Amino acid sequence: GKKNPWAAQQHVEIHCANVRSGLGWLNERFDVVFSGAPYVDHDKRALYFIDDLLSTIPRDRVLADGGWFVAQHHAKEPFTPPEMWDFFRQEKYGDSRVSFFRYAQPKNPDRTLEE
């Protein structure tokens, strides 16, 4: 098959971790953060994690400006992206979804919700 010259020049890291414990340990910024999911825990209860990650990724500063967060999740998982995220695409694969978010710095990061 053909080789992709772009991919051959890219630095890729794969980390398997419990995202609910935070991502600050990465100590690095990435252009793309992908999260694949277990959809249920050991007791078959639904696991929802996208809202957590939409807060954790900017807090722990692991995504470069303009970077993408790509989340594979169950179709029934509810989520509400904060203003700093542009939810721009979603693909459907049976009961799974792959959702694409682009991170954009808030226009006025000092503004509070009370204003």
Protein backbone atom coordinates (compact mmCIF):
# COMPACT_ATOMS: atom_id res chain seq x y z
CA GLY A 1 0.00 0.00 0.00
CA LYS A 2 0.88 3.66 -0.21
CA LYS A 3 2.71 5.32 2.62
CA ASN A 4 1.37 8.57 3.99
CA PRO A 5 4.35 10.97 4.06
CA TRP A 6 2.52 13.31 6.47
CA ALA A 7 1.93 10.58 9.04
CA ALA A 8 5.54 9.40 8.85
CA GLN A 9 6.71 12.83 10.04
CA GLN A 10 4.33 13.13 12.99
CA HIS A 11 5.05 12.46 16.64
CA VAL A 12 2.35 10.25 18.14
CA GLU A 13 1.92 9.24 21.78
CA ILE A 14 -0.64 6.78 23.11
CA HIS A 15 -1.55 6.84 26.80
CA CYS A 16 -4.06 4.57 28.51
CA ALA A 17 -5.32 6.09 31.74
CA ASN A 18 -8.38 6.79 33.82
CA VAL A 19 -9.30 10.27 32.56
CA ARG A 20 -11.39 11.04 35.63
CA SER A 21 -8.20 11.35 37.68
CA GLY A 22 -7.02 14.27 35.53
CA LEU A 23 -4.52 14.73 32.73
CA GLY A 24 -2.04 17.16 34.29
CA TRP A 25 0.54 14.38 34.57
CA LEU A 26 1.03 14.57 30.79
CA ASN A 27 2.94 17.89 31.16
CA GLU A 28 2.59 18.50 27.44
CA ARG A 29 0.22 20.04 24.89
CA PHE A 30 -1.14 18.02 21.99
CA ASP A 31 -2.79 18.93 18.68
CA VAL A 32 -5.32 16.10 19.03
CA VAL A 33 -6.64 14.31 22.09
CA PHE A 34 -8.67 11.17 21.38
CA SER A 35 -10.66 9.31 23.99
CA GLY A 36 -12.05 5.89 23.33
CA ALA A 37 -14.53 4.64 25.81
CA PRO A 38 -15.57 1.75 27.80
CA TYR A 39 -19.29 2.49 27.67
CA VAL A 40 -20.13 0.65 30.88
CA ASP A 41 -18.37 -0.18 34.14
CA HIS A 42 -17.91 -3.67 35.59
CA ASP A 43 -21.50 -3.59 36.89
CA LYS A 44 -22.85 -2.67 33.42
CA ARG A 45 -23.70 0.90 34.51
CA ALA A 46 -23.34 3.52 31.78
CA LEU A 47 -20.15 5.58 31.89
CA TYR A 48 -20.41 9.17 30.76
CA PHE A 49 -17.17 11.11 30.49
CA ILE A 50 -17.38 13.76 27.75
CA ASP A 51 -18.57 16.61 30.00
CA ASP A 52 -15.73 15.75 32.42
CA LEU A 53 -13.16 15.83 29.63
CA LEU A 54 -14.49 19.08 28.16
CA SER A 55 -13.59 20.63 31.53
CA THR A 56 -10.46 18.61 32.32
CA ILE A 57 -8.65 19.15 29.01
CA PRO A 58 -8.49 22.97 29.27
CA ARG A 59 -7.92 22.89 33.05
CA ASP A 60 -4.93 20.59 32.70
CA ARG A 61 -3.71 22.43 29.56
CA VAL A 62 -3.11 19.35 27.45
CA LEU A 63 -4.51 20.66 24.16
CA ALA A 64 -2.74 23.16 21.92
CA ASP A 65 -4.60 26.31 20.86
CA GLY A 66 -6.97 25.33 18.06
CA GLY A 67 -6.45 21.65 18.89
CA TRP A 68 -9.10 18.97 18.54
CA PHE A 69 -10.69 16.68 21.08
CA VAL A 70 -12.17 13.57 19.44
CA ALA A 71 -14.44 11.44 21.62
CA GLN A 72 -15.80 7.99 20.85
CA HIS A 73 -18.89 7.43 22.98
CA HIS A 74 -22.29 5.75 23.23
CA ALA A 75 -25.06 7.39 21.22
CA LYS A 76 -27.14 7.97 24.38
CA GLU A 77 -24.43 9.90 26.25
CA PRO A 78 -25.62 13.45 26.91
CA PHE A 79 -23.12 16.30 26.85
CA THR A 80 -23.13 20.08 26.71
CA PRO A 81 -19.96 21.71 25.34
CA PRO A 82 -18.89 24.89 27.17
CA GLU A 83 -18.51 28.08 25.09
CA MET A 84 -14.78 27.53 24.60
CA TRP A 85 -15.51 24.41 22.52
CA ASP A 86 -16.74 24.29 18.93
CA PHE A 87 -18.66 21.02 18.48
CA PHE A 88 -18.30 20.81 14.72
CA ARG A 89 -18.85 17.23 13.61
CA GLN A 90 -20.29 13.88 14.63
CA GLU A 91 -20.13 10.52 12.88
CA LYS A 92 -22.48 7.62 13.60
CA TYR A 93 -21.38 3.99 13.81
CA GLY A 94 -24.26 1.84 15.08
CA ASP A 95 -24.71 2.63 18.80
CA SER A 96 -21.43 4.56 18.86
CA ARG A 97 -20.69 8.16 18.00
CA VAL A 98 -17.44 9.92 17.28
CA SER A 99 -17.75 13.60 18.21
CA PHE A 100 -15.27 16.28 17.16
CA PHE A 101 -14.59 19.41 19.20
CA ARG A 102 -12.21 22.27 18.41
CA TYR A 103 -10.78 24.21 21.32
CA ALA A 104 -10.80 28.00 21.12
CA GLN A 105 -9.63 30.20 23.97
CA PRO A 106 -12.53 32.13 25.55
CA LYS A 107 -12.78 35.64 24.13
CA ASN A 108 -12.71 37.13 27.63
CA PRO A 109 -11.24 34.57 30.05
CA ASP A 110 -11.71 36.92 33.05
CA ARG A 111 -15.46 37.16 32.51
CA THR A 112 -17.56 35.31 35.03
CA LEU A 113 -21.01 33.83 34.65
CA GLU A 114 -22.44 36.46 37.00
CA GLU A 115 -21.58 39.33 34.66
